[in-house]
């Protein structure tokens, strides 16, 4: 059972620890991050060590478990290095783990943003930190819809973002998917998702063709009305002219009224 009083004590203690400035080498080069805590030295309340790239980070089980059900399960059961109070995080980047800890620990000097989201997201997904994952979704959702976003949403289980991105990409021209960069990306996207993209594109193309045909019919109707206008004995354009004059306001007004009537008839015929 996690001691909530201990978490509060940890928070009060950490709140007043002096911060150290450090340059983290992120996937984006030359990226200065805010002042970060290094976790290199133990404090009176730290009770577990994370071993990352042979470095030891002194942290608190209660703090990690309150954020992550994976850590909760790990600390609640026996694991290999429990006797030594160490957890080795194989294959993890020391800089990324430190960044994650600074997002978790008060005073939360780091937040998820477009500069660090792709560094944090693999760790957040692996350790099931839902509070931070929702922030990752919000950041990625601000990106322009693309196959990159679709791939991220698929790999990291973001169904709502995936659906929105599929709809948006499906409305883009075909060449946005077919150029070389996206052709390489598409190899990593499941065939079912690519099939959905092209299916949506085909449906959108069909709808555009229908809209084009409706517009074409309206233009054809307008041309026919223009050609026929004034030829009937009882439908002279105006009292002054026996043919339509484009510099006569009476002719133009009469023509507009006639076109509106004919278009209304045309729309009623389509509805019926």
C-alpha atoms as a PDB file:
ATOM      1  CA  UNK A   1       0.000   0.000   0.000  1.00  0.00           C
ATOM      2  CA  UNK A   2       1.363   3.411  -0.994  1.00  0.00           C
ATOM      3  CA  UNK A   3       1.732   5.856   1.901  1.00  0.00           C
ATOM      4  CA  UNK A   4       0.102   9.142   0.807  1.00  0.00           C
ATOM      5  CA  UNK A   5       1.603  10.957   3.773  1.00  0.00           C
ATOM      6  CA  UNK A   6       5.050   9.906   2.620  1.00  0.00           C
ATOM      7  CA  UNK A   7       4.331  11.270  -0.872  1.00  0.00           C
ATOM      8  CA  UNK A   8       3.398  14.605   0.686  1.00  0.00           C
ATOM      9  CA  UNK A   9       6.619  14.636   2.698  1.00  0.00           C
ATOM     10  CA  UNK A  10       8.616  13.852  -0.440  1.00  0.00           C
ATOM     11  CA  UNK A  11       6.916  16.655  -2.325  1.00  0.00           C
ATOM     12  CA  UNK A  12       7.611  19.210   0.426  1.00  0.00           C
ATOM     13  CA  UNK A  13      11.220  18.090   0.633  1.00  0.00           C
ATOM     14  CA  UNK A  14      11.845  18.176  -3.112  1.00  0.00           C
ATOM     15  CA  UNK A  15      10.148  21.518  -3.554  1.00  0.00           C
ATOM     16  CA  UNK A  16      13.058  23.281  -1.835  1.00  0.00           C
ATOM     17  CA  UNK A  17      15.985  21.356  -3.358  1.00  0.00           C
ATOM     18  CA  UNK A  18      18.282  23.674  -5.415  1.00  0.00           C
ATOM     19  CA  UNK A  19      17.965  22.999  -9.126  1.00  0.00           C
ATOM     20  CA  UNK A  20      20.849  22.347 -11.495  1.00  0.00           C
ATOM     21  CA  UNK A  21      21.018  23.544 -15.092  1.00  0.00           C
ATOM     22  CA  UNK A  22      21.928  20.888 -17.637  1.00  0.00           C
ATOM     23  CA  UNK A  23      21.973  20.629 -21.414  1.00  0.00           C
ATOM     24  CA  UNK A  24      20.230  17.468 -22.548  1.00  0.00           C
ATOM     25  CA  UNK A  25      21.066  16.050 -25.941  1.00  0.00           C
ATOM     26  CA  UNK A  26      17.640  15.544 -27.424  1.00  0.00           C
ATOM     27  CA  UNK A  27      16.586  14.311 -30.817  1.00  0.00           C
ATOM     28  CA  UNK A  28      16.399  17.967 -31.755  1.00  0.00           C
ATOM     29  CA  UNK A  29      20.000  19.267 -31.675  1.00  0.00           C
ATOM     30  CA  UNK A  30      21.131  22.242 -29.590  1.00  0.00           C
ATOM     31  CA  UNK A  31      17.986  22.168 -27.485  1.00  0.00           C
ATOM     32  CA  UNK A  32      18.261  24.039 -24.178  1.00  0.00           C
ATOM     33  CA  UNK A  33      15.793  22.759 -21.655  1.00  0.00           C
ATOM     34  CA  UNK A  34      14.632  24.397 -18.418  1.00  0.00           C
ATOM     35  CA  UNK A  35      16.496  23.883 -15.170  1.00  0.00           C
ATOM     36  CA  UNK A  36      16.387  20.181 -14.434  1.00  0.00           C
ATOM     37  CA  UNK A  37      17.023  18.101 -11.370  1.00  0.00           C
ATOM     38  CA  UNK A  38      19.739  15.522 -12.008  1.00  0.00           C
ATOM     39  CA  UNK A  39      18.811  12.932  -9.324  1.00  0.00           C
ATOM     40  CA  UNK A  40      22.511  12.071  -8.982  1.00  0.00           C
ATOM     41  CA  UNK A  41      22.579  12.309  -5.187  1.00  0.00           C
ATOM     42  CA  UNK A  42      20.311  10.558  -2.660  1.00  0.00           C
ATOM     43  CA  UNK A  43      18.159  12.490  -0.232  1.00  0.00           C
ATOM     44  CA  UNK A  44      16.825  11.374   3.178  1.00  0.00           C
ATOM     45  CA  UNK A  45      13.611  10.047   1.623  1.00  0.00           C
ATOM     46  CA  UNK A  46      14.850   8.391  -1.592  1.00  0.00           C
ATOM     47  CA  UNK A  47      14.391   4.642  -1.414  1.00  0.00           C
ATOM     48  CA  UNK A  48      15.077   3.206  -4.865  1.00  0.00           C
ATOM     49  CA  UNK A  49      17.732   3.648  -7.546  1.00  0.00           C
ATOM     50  CA  UNK A  50      17.098   3.654 -11.289  1.00  0.00           C
ATOM     51  CA  UNK A  51      20.145   2.429 -13.197  1.00  0.00           C
ATOM     52  CA  UNK A  52      20.243   3.977 -16.676  1.00  0.00           C
ATOM     53  CA  UNK A  53      23.325   3.818 -18.914  1.00  0.00           C
ATOM     54  CA  UNK A  54      25.426   2.866 -15.857  1.00  0.00           C
ATOM     55  CA  UNK A  55      24.278   6.033 -14.061  1.00  0.00           C
ATOM     56  CA  UNK A  56      22.316   5.845 -10.811  1.00  0.00           C
ATOM     57  CA  UNK A  57      19.260   8.046 -10.323  1.00  0.00           C
ATOM     58  CA  UNK A  58      18.005   8.288  -6.739  1.00  0.00           C
ATOM     59  CA  UNK A  59      14.213   8.432  -6.707  1.00  0.00           C
ATOM     60  CA  UNK A  60      11.179   7.538  -4.579  1.00  0.00           C
ATOM     61  CA  UNK A  61       9.051   4.457  -5.098  1.00  0.00           C
ATOM     62  CA  UNK A  62       5.905   6.152  -3.850  1.00  0.00           C
ATOM     63  CA  UNK A  63       6.283   9.023  -6.321  1.00  0.00           C
ATOM     64  CA  UNK A  64       6.829   6.748  -9.322  1.00  0.00           C
ATOM     65  CA  UNK A  65       4.044   4.376  -8.285  1.00  0.00           C
ATOM     66  CA  UNK A  66       1.556   7.232  -7.911  1.00  0.00           C
ATOM     67  CA  UNK A  67       2.079   8.085 -11.601  1.00  0.00           C
ATOM     68  CA  UNK A  68       2.604   4.676 -13.161  1.00  0.00           C
ATOM     69  CA  UNK A  69       0.708   1.418 -12.594  1.00  0.00           C
ATOM     70  CA  UNK A  70       3.739  -0.383 -14.061  1.00  0.00           C
ATOM     71  CA  UNK A  71       5.964   0.971 -11.307  1.00  0.00           C
ATOM     72  CA  UNK A  72       3.193   0.259  -8.803  1.00  0.00           C
ATOM     73  CA  UNK A  73       3.144  -3.414  -9.822  1.00  0.00           C
ATOM     74  CA  UNK A  74       6.943  -3.551  -9.876  1.00  0.00           C
ATOM     75  CA  UNK A  75       7.338  -2.171  -6.368  1.00  0.00           C
ATOM     76  CA  UNK A  76       4.432  -4.168  -4.969  1.00  0.00           C
ATOM     77  CA  UNK A  77       5.918  -7.505  -6.015  1.00  0.00           C
ATOM     78  CA  UNK A  78       9.313  -9.128  -5.881  1.00  0.00           C
ATOM     79  CA  UNK A  79      11.688  -8.217  -8.658  1.00  0.00           C
ATOM     80  CA  UNK A  80      15.255  -9.267  -9.368  1.00  0.00           C
ATOM     81  CA  UNK A  81      17.079  -6.395  -7.727  1.00  0.00           C
ATOM     82  CA  UNK A  82      14.668  -5.679  -4.895  1.00  0.00           C
ATOM     83  CA  UNK A  83      17.227  -6.591  -2.252  1.00  0.00           C
ATOM     84  CA  UNK A  84      19.637  -3.990  -3.582  1.00  0.00           C
ATOM     85  CA  UNK A  85      16.902  -1.398  -4.068  1.00  0.00           C
ATOM     86  CA  UNK A  86      17.828  -0.943  -7.725  1.00  0.00           C
ATOM     87  CA  UNK A  87      15.889  -1.122 -10.987  1.00  0.00           C
ATOM     88  CA  UNK A  88      17.886  -1.334 -14.196  1.00  0.00           C
ATOM     89  CA  UNK A  89      16.193   0.351 -17.158  1.00  0.00           C
ATOM     90  CA  UNK A  90      17.746  -1.428 -20.124  1.00  0.00           C
ATOM     91  CA  UNK A  91      17.906   0.329 -23.467  1.00  0.00           C
ATOM     92  CA  UNK A  92      16.755   3.675 -22.075  1.00  0.00           C
ATOM     93  CA  UNK A  93      18.367   7.048 -22.623  1.00  0.00           C
ATOM     94  CA  UNK A  94      19.671   8.696 -19.462  1.00  0.00           C
ATOM     95  CA  UNK A  95      18.687  12.142 -20.731  1.00  0.00           C
ATOM     96  CA  UNK A  96      15.161  10.994 -21.581  1.00  0.00           C
ATOM     97  CA  UNK A  97      14.658   9.344 -18.185  1.00  0.00           C
ATOM     98  CA  UNK A  98      15.840  12.484 -16.406  1.00  0.00           C
ATOM     99  CA  UNK A  99      13.465  14.539 -18.515  1.00  0.00           C
ATOM    100  CA  UNK A 100      10.584  12.213 -17.609  1.00  0.00           C
ATOM    101  CA  UNK A 101      11.386  12.454 -13.907  1.00  0.00           C
ATOM    102  CA  UNK A 102      11.364  16.237 -14.097  1.00  0.00           C
ATOM    103  CA  UNK A 103       7.894  16.067 -15.665  1.00  0.00           C
ATOM    104  CA  UNK A 104       6.728  13.927 -12.742  1.00  0.00           C
ATOM    105  CA  UNK A 105       8.481  15.453  -9.760  1.00  0.00           C
ATOM    106  CA  UNK A 106       7.433  18.777  -8.251  1.00  0.00           C
ATOM    107  CA  UNK A 107       7.778  21.599  -8.996  1.00  0.00           C
ATOM    108  CA  UNK A 108       7.308  20.056 -12.499  1.00  0.00           C
ATOM    109  CA  UNK A 109       9.821  22.321 -14.197  1.00  0.00           C
ATOM    110  CA  UNK A 110       9.355  20.406 -17.473  1.00  0.00           C
ATOM    111  CA  UNK A 111       6.183  19.982 -19.463  1.00  0.00           C
ATOM    112  CA  UNK A 112       5.416  18.003 -22.590  1.00  0.00           C
ATOM    113  CA  UNK A 113       5.889  20.144 -25.693  1.00  0.00           C
ATOM    114  CA  UNK A 114       6.717  19.823 -29.377  1.00  0.00           C
ATOM    115  CA  UNK A 115      10.455  19.785 -28.612  1.00  0.00           C
ATOM    116  CA  UNK A 116      10.434  16.809 -26.250  1.00  0.00           C
ATOM    117  CA  UNK A 117       7.262  14.858 -26.977  1.00  0.00           C
ATOM    118  CA  UNK A 118       8.989  12.221 -29.111  1.00  0.00           C
ATOM    119  CA  UNK A 119      11.650  11.725 -26.436  1.00  0.00           C
ATOM    120  CA  UNK A 120       9.078  11.256 -23.693  1.00  0.00           C
ATOM    121  CA  UNK A 121       6.383   9.316 -25.514  1.00  0.00           C
ATOM    122  CA  UNK A 122       8.135   5.891 -25.640  1.00  0.00           C
ATOM    123  CA  UNK A 123       8.752   6.000 -21.880  1.00  0.00           C
ATOM    124  CA  UNK A 124       5.278   7.299 -21.138  1.00  0.00           C
ATOM    125  CA  UNK A 125       3.741   4.493 -23.183  1.00  0.00           C
ATOM    126  CA  UNK A 126       5.934   1.752 -21.716  1.00  0.00           C
ATOM    127  CA  UNK A 127       5.216   2.774 -18.131  1.00  0.00           C
ATOM    128  CA  UNK A 128       1.564   3.626 -18.802  1.00  0.00           C
ATOM    129  CA  UNK A 129       1.674   7.187 -17.460  1.00  0.00           C
ATOM    130  CA  UNK A 130      -1.775   8.235 -18.632  1.00  0.00           C
ATOM    131  CA  UNK A 131      -1.668  11.759 -17.203  1.00  0.00           C
ATOM    132  CA  UNK A 132       1.324  12.620 -19.376  1.00  0.00           C
ATOM    133  CA  UNK A 133       0.136  10.650 -22.379  1.00  0.00           C
ATOM    134  CA  UNK A 134      -2.960  12.838 -22.701  1.00  0.00           C
ATOM    135  CA  UNK A 135      -0.627  15.842 -22.891  1.00  0.00           C
ATOM    136  CA  UNK A 136       1.364  14.102 -25.629  1.00  0.00           C
ATOM    137  CA  UNK A 137      -1.842  13.582 -27.596  1.00  0.00           C
ATOM    138  CA  UNK A 138      -2.701  17.271 -27.253  1.00  0.00           C
ATOM    139  CA  UNK A 139       0.745  18.287 -28.550  1.00  0.00           C
ATOM    140  CA  UNK A 140       0.764  15.893 -31.504  1.00  0.00           C
ATOM    141  CA  UNK A 141      -2.812  16.840 -32.409  1.00  0.00           C
ATOM    142  CA  UNK A 142      -1.536  20.341 -33.178  1.00  0.00           C
ATOM    143  CA  UNK A 143       0.727  18.967 -35.918  1.00  0.00           C
ATOM    144  CA  UNK A 144      -0.450  19.137 -39.509  1.00  0.00           C
ATOM    145  CA  UNK A 145      -2.169  15.826 -40.365  1.00  0.00           C
ATOM    146  CA  UNK A 146       0.244  13.517 -42.171  1.00  0.00           C
ATOM    147  CA  UNK A 147       1.400   9.918 -42.383  1.00  0.00           C
ATOM    148  CA  UNK A 148       3.892  10.734 -39.618  1.00  0.00           C
ATOM    149  CA  UNK A 149       1.052  11.585 -37.246  1.00  0.00           C
ATOM    150  CA  UNK A 150      -0.888   8.490 -38.329  1.00  0.00           C
ATOM    151  CA  UNK A 151       2.147   6.301 -37.640  1.00  0.00           C
ATOM    152  CA  UNK A 152       2.653   7.853 -34.192  1.00  0.00           C
ATOM    153  CA  UNK A 153      -1.043   7.536 -33.323  1.00  0.00           C
ATOM    154  CA  UNK A 154      -1.030   3.876 -34.383  1.00  0.00           C
ATOM    155  CA  UNK A 155       2.197   2.905 -32.615  1.00  0.00           C
ATOM    156  CA  UNK A 156       1.248   4.608 -29.350  1.00  0.00           C
ATOM    157  CA  UNK A 157      -2.427   3.643 -29.243  1.00  0.00           C
ATOM    158  CA  UNK A 158      -4.137   7.005 -29.800  1.00  0.00           C
ATOM    159  CA  UNK A 159      -7.421   5.940 -31.444  1.00  0.00           C
ATOM    160  CA  UNK A 160      -9.159   9.337 -31.494  1.00  0.00           C
ATOM    161  CA  UNK A 161      -6.130  11.094 -32.962  1.00  0.00           C
ATOM    162  CA  UNK A 162      -5.712   8.263 -35.468  1.00  0.00           C
ATOM    163  CA  UNK A 163      -9.300   8.598 -36.674  1.00  0.00           C
ATOM    164  CA  UNK A 164      -9.063  12.396 -37.034  1.00  0.00           C
ATOM    165  CA  UNK A 165      -5.739  12.121 -38.871  1.00  0.00           C
ATOM    166  CA  UNK A 166      -7.077   9.471 -41.244  1.00  0.00           C
ATOM    167  CA  UNK A 167     -10.017  11.690 -42.171  1.00  0.00           C
ATOM    168  CA  UNK A 168      -7.764  14.712 -42.706  1.00  0.00           C
ATOM    169  CA  UNK A 169      -5.140  12.852 -44.759  1.00  0.00           C
ATOM    170  CA  UNK A 170      -7.849  11.242 -46.861  1.00  0.00           C
ATOM    171  CA  UNK A 171      -8.934  14.712 -47.992  1.00  0.00           C
ATOM    172  CA  UNK A 172      -5.434  15.641 -49.156  1.00  0.00           C
ATOM    173  CA  UNK A 173      -4.293  15.129 -52.780  1.00  0.00           C
ATOM    174  CA  UNK A 174      -2.937  11.716 -53.709  1.00  0.00           C
ATOM    175  CA  UNK A 175       0.587  13.051 -54.276  1.00  0.00           C
ATOM    176  CA  UNK A 176       0.885  13.860 -50.553  1.00  0.00           C
ATOM    177  CA  UNK A 177       0.985  10.115 -49.929  1.00  0.00           C
ATOM    178  CA  UNK A 178       2.753   8.935 -53.063  1.00  0.00           C
ATOM    179  CA  UNK A 179       5.959  10.995 -52.866  1.00  0.00           C
ATOM    180  CA  UNK A 180       9.146   9.245 -51.724  1.00  0.00           C
ATOM    181  CA  UNK A 181       9.158  10.273 -48.053  1.00  0.00           C
ATOM    182  CA  UNK A 182       5.618   9.096 -47.437  1.00  0.00           C
ATOM    183  CA  UNK A 183       6.159   5.957 -49.512  1.00  0.00           C
ATOM    184  CA  UNK A 184       8.869   4.961 -47.043  1.00  0.00           C
ATOM    185  CA  UNK A 185       6.635   5.857 -44.092  1.00  0.00           C
ATOM    186  CA  UNK A 186       3.745   3.850 -45.492  1.00  0.00           C
ATOM    187  CA  UNK A 187       5.873   0.698 -45.273  1.00  0.00           C
ATOM    188  CA  UNK A 188       5.668   0.987 -41.475  1.00  0.00           C
ATOM    189  CA  UNK A 189       1.899   1.575 -41.403  1.00  0.00           C
ATOM    190  CA  UNK A 190      -0.309  -1.541 -41.308  1.00  0.00           C
ATOM    191  CA  UNK A 191      -1.899  -2.361 -44.682  1.00  0.00           C
ATOM    192  CA  UNK A 192      -5.376  -2.079 -43.171  1.00  0.00           C
ATOM    193  CA  UNK A 193      -4.784   1.582 -42.227  1.00  0.00           C
ATOM    194  CA  UNK A 194      -3.327   2.396 -45.661  1.00  0.00           C
ATOM    195  CA  UNK A 195      -6.329   0.681 -47.221  1.00  0.00           C
ATOM    196  CA  UNK A 196      -8.643   2.843 -45.100  1.00  0.00           C
ATOM    197  CA  UNK A 197      -6.796   5.972 -46.261  1.00  0.00           C
ATOM    198  CA  UNK A 198      -7.192   5.108 -49.941  1.00  0.00           C
ATOM    199  CA  UNK A 199     -10.782   4.000 -49.427  1.00  0.00           C
ATOM    200  CA  UNK A 200     -11.604   7.370 -47.847  1.00  0.00           C
ATOM    201  CA  UNK A 201      -9.782   9.132 -50.671  1.00  0.00           C
ATOM    202  CA  UNK A 202     -11.843   7.275 -53.266  1.00  0.00           C
ATOM    203  CA  UNK A 203     -15.074   8.152 -51.440  1.00  0.00           C
ATOM    204  CA  UNK A 204     -14.008  11.812 -51.315  1.00  0.00           C
ATOM    205  CA  UNK A 205     -13.122  11.749 -55.012  1.00  0.00           C
ATOM    206  CA  UNK A 206     -16.542  10.325 -55.850  1.00  0.00           C
ATOM    207  CA  UNK A 207     -18.213  13.043 -53.783  1.00  0.00           C
ATOM    208  CA  UNK A 208     -16.147  15.719 -55.540  1.00  0.00           C
ATOM    209  CA  UNK A 209     -17.188  14.299 -58.910  1.00  0.00           C
ATOM    210  CA  UNK A 210     -20.837  14.477 -57.852  1.00  0.00           C
ATOM    211  CA  UNK A 211     -20.398  18.091 -56.780  1.00  0.00           C
ATOM    212  CA  UNK A 212     -18.662  18.875 -60.066  1.00  0.00           C
ATOM    213  CA  UNK A 213     -21.519  17.332 -62.036  1.00  0.00           C
ATOM    214  CA  UNK A 214     -24.070  19.375 -60.093  1.00  0.00           C
ATOM    215  CA  UNK A 215     -22.092  22.533 -60.795  1.00  0.00           C
ATOM    216  CA  UNK A 216     -21.773  21.592 -64.449  1.00  0.00           C
ATOM    217  CA  UNK A 217     -25.538  21.068 -64.686  1.00  0.00           C
ATOM    218  CA  UNK A 218     -26.154  24.473 -63.128  1.00  0.00           C
ATOM    219  CA  UNK A 219     -23.797  26.152 -65.590  1.00  0.00           C
ATOM    220  CA  UNK A 220     -25.405  24.324 -68.499  1.00  0.00           C
ATOM    221  CA  UNK A 221     -28.843  25.390 -67.305  1.00  0.00           C
ATOM    222  CA  UNK A 222     -27.740  29.005 -66.983  1.00  0.00           C
ATOM    223  CA  UNK A 223     -26.304  28.976 -70.498  1.00  0.00           C
ATOM    224  CA  UNK A 224     -29.496  27.483 -71.875  1.00  0.00           C
ATOM    225  CA  UNK A 225     -31.572  30.147 -70.128  1.00  0.00           C
ATOM    226  CA  UNK A 226     -29.301  32.838 -71.486  1.00  0.00           C
ATOM    227  CA  UNK A 227     -29.684  31.525 -75.007  1.00  0.00           C
ATOM    228  CA  UNK A 228     -33.463  31.164 -74.763  1.00  0.00           C
ATOM    229  CA  UNK A 229     -34.138  34.340 -72.860  1.00  0.00           C
ATOM    230  CA  UNK A 230     -36.253  36.826 -74.803  1.00  0.00           C
ATOM    231  CA  UNK A 231     -37.072  34.458 -77.664  1.00  0.00           C
ATOM    232  CA  UNK A 232     -40.582  33.735 -76.446  1.00  0.00           C
ATOM    233  CA  UNK A 233     -43.138  36.408 -77.538  1.00  0.00           C
ATOM    234  CA  UNK A 234     -44.287  36.892 -73.922  1.00  0.00           C
ATOM    235  CA  UNK A 235     -40.843  37.047 -72.336  1.00  0.00           C
ATOM    236  CA  UNK A 236     -39.087  40.066 -73.773  1.00  0.00           C
ATOM    237  CA  UNK A 237     -36.239  41.167 -71.544  1.00  0.00           C
ATOM    238  CA  UNK A 238     -37.758  44.562 -70.899  1.00  0.00           C
ATOM    239  CA  UNK A 239     -40.047  47.131 -72.448  1.00  0.00           C
ATOM    240  CA  UNK A 240     -37.158  48.913 -74.191  1.00  0.00           C
ATOM    241  CA  UNK A 241     -35.361  45.988 -75.820  1.00  0.00           C
ATOM    242  CA  UNK A 242     -36.385  42.842 -77.656  1.00  0.00           C
ATOM    243  CA  UNK A 243     -32.987  41.213 -76.873  1.00  0.00           C
ATOM    244  CA  UNK A 244     -30.965  41.012 -73.689  1.00  0.00           C
ATOM    245  CA  UNK A 245     -28.725  44.025 -73.184  1.00  0.00           C
ATOM    246  CA  UNK A 246     -26.002  43.591 -70.570  1.00  0.00           C
ATOM    247  CA  UNK A 247     -25.851  47.359 -69.958  1.00  0.00           C
ATOM    248  CA  UNK A 248     -29.591  47.608 -69.226  1.00  0.00           C
ATOM    249  CA  UNK A 249     -30.584  47.234 -65.581  1.00  0.00           C
ATOM    250  CA  UNK A 250     -34.125  46.222 -66.484  1.00  0.00           C
ATOM    251  CA  UNK A 251     -32.845  43.466 -68.773  1.00  0.00           C
ATOM    252  CA  UNK A 252     -30.437  42.155 -66.157  1.00  0.00           C
ATOM    253  CA  UNK A 253     -33.046  42.218 -63.413  1.00  0.00           C
ATOM    254  CA  UNK A 254     -35.537  40.392 -65.622  1.00  0.00           C
ATOM    255  CA  UNK A 255     -32.884  37.842 -66.511  1.00  0.00           C
ATOM    256  CA  UNK A 256     -31.982  37.260 -62.828  1.00  0.00           C
ATOM    257  CA  UNK A 257     -35.610  36.684 -61.904  1.00  0.00           C
ATOM    258  CA  UNK A 258     -36.077  34.225 -64.748  1.00  0.00           C
ATOM    259  CA  UNK A 259     -32.925  32.294 -63.860  1.00  0.00           C
ATOM    260  CA  UNK A 260     -34.020  32.042 -60.228  1.00  0.00           C
ATOM    261  CA  UNK A 261     -37.394  30.655 -61.246  1.00  0.00           C
ATOM    262  CA  UNK A 262     -35.826  28.112 -63.574  1.00  0.00           C
ATOM    263  CA  UNK A 263     -33.254  27.057 -61.004  1.00  0.00           C
ATOM    264  CA  UNK A 264     -35.998  26.536 -58.444  1.00  0.00           C
ATOM    265  CA  UNK A 265     -37.820  24.315 -60.914  1.00  0.00           C
ATOM    266  CA  UNK A 266     -34.602  22.400 -61.529  1.00  0.00           C
ATOM    267  CA  UNK A 267     -33.971  21.844 -57.805  1.00  0.00           C
ATOM    268  CA  UNK A 268     -37.572  20.687 -57.265  1.00  0.00           C
ATOM    269  CA  UNK A 269     -37.217  18.218 -60.122  1.00  0.00           C
ATOM    270  CA  UNK A 270     -34.043  16.770 -58.501  1.00  0.00           C
ATOM    271  CA  UNK A 271     -35.770  16.444 -55.136  1.00  0.00           C
ATOM    272  CA  UNK A 272     -38.771  14.711 -56.600  1.00  0.00           C
END
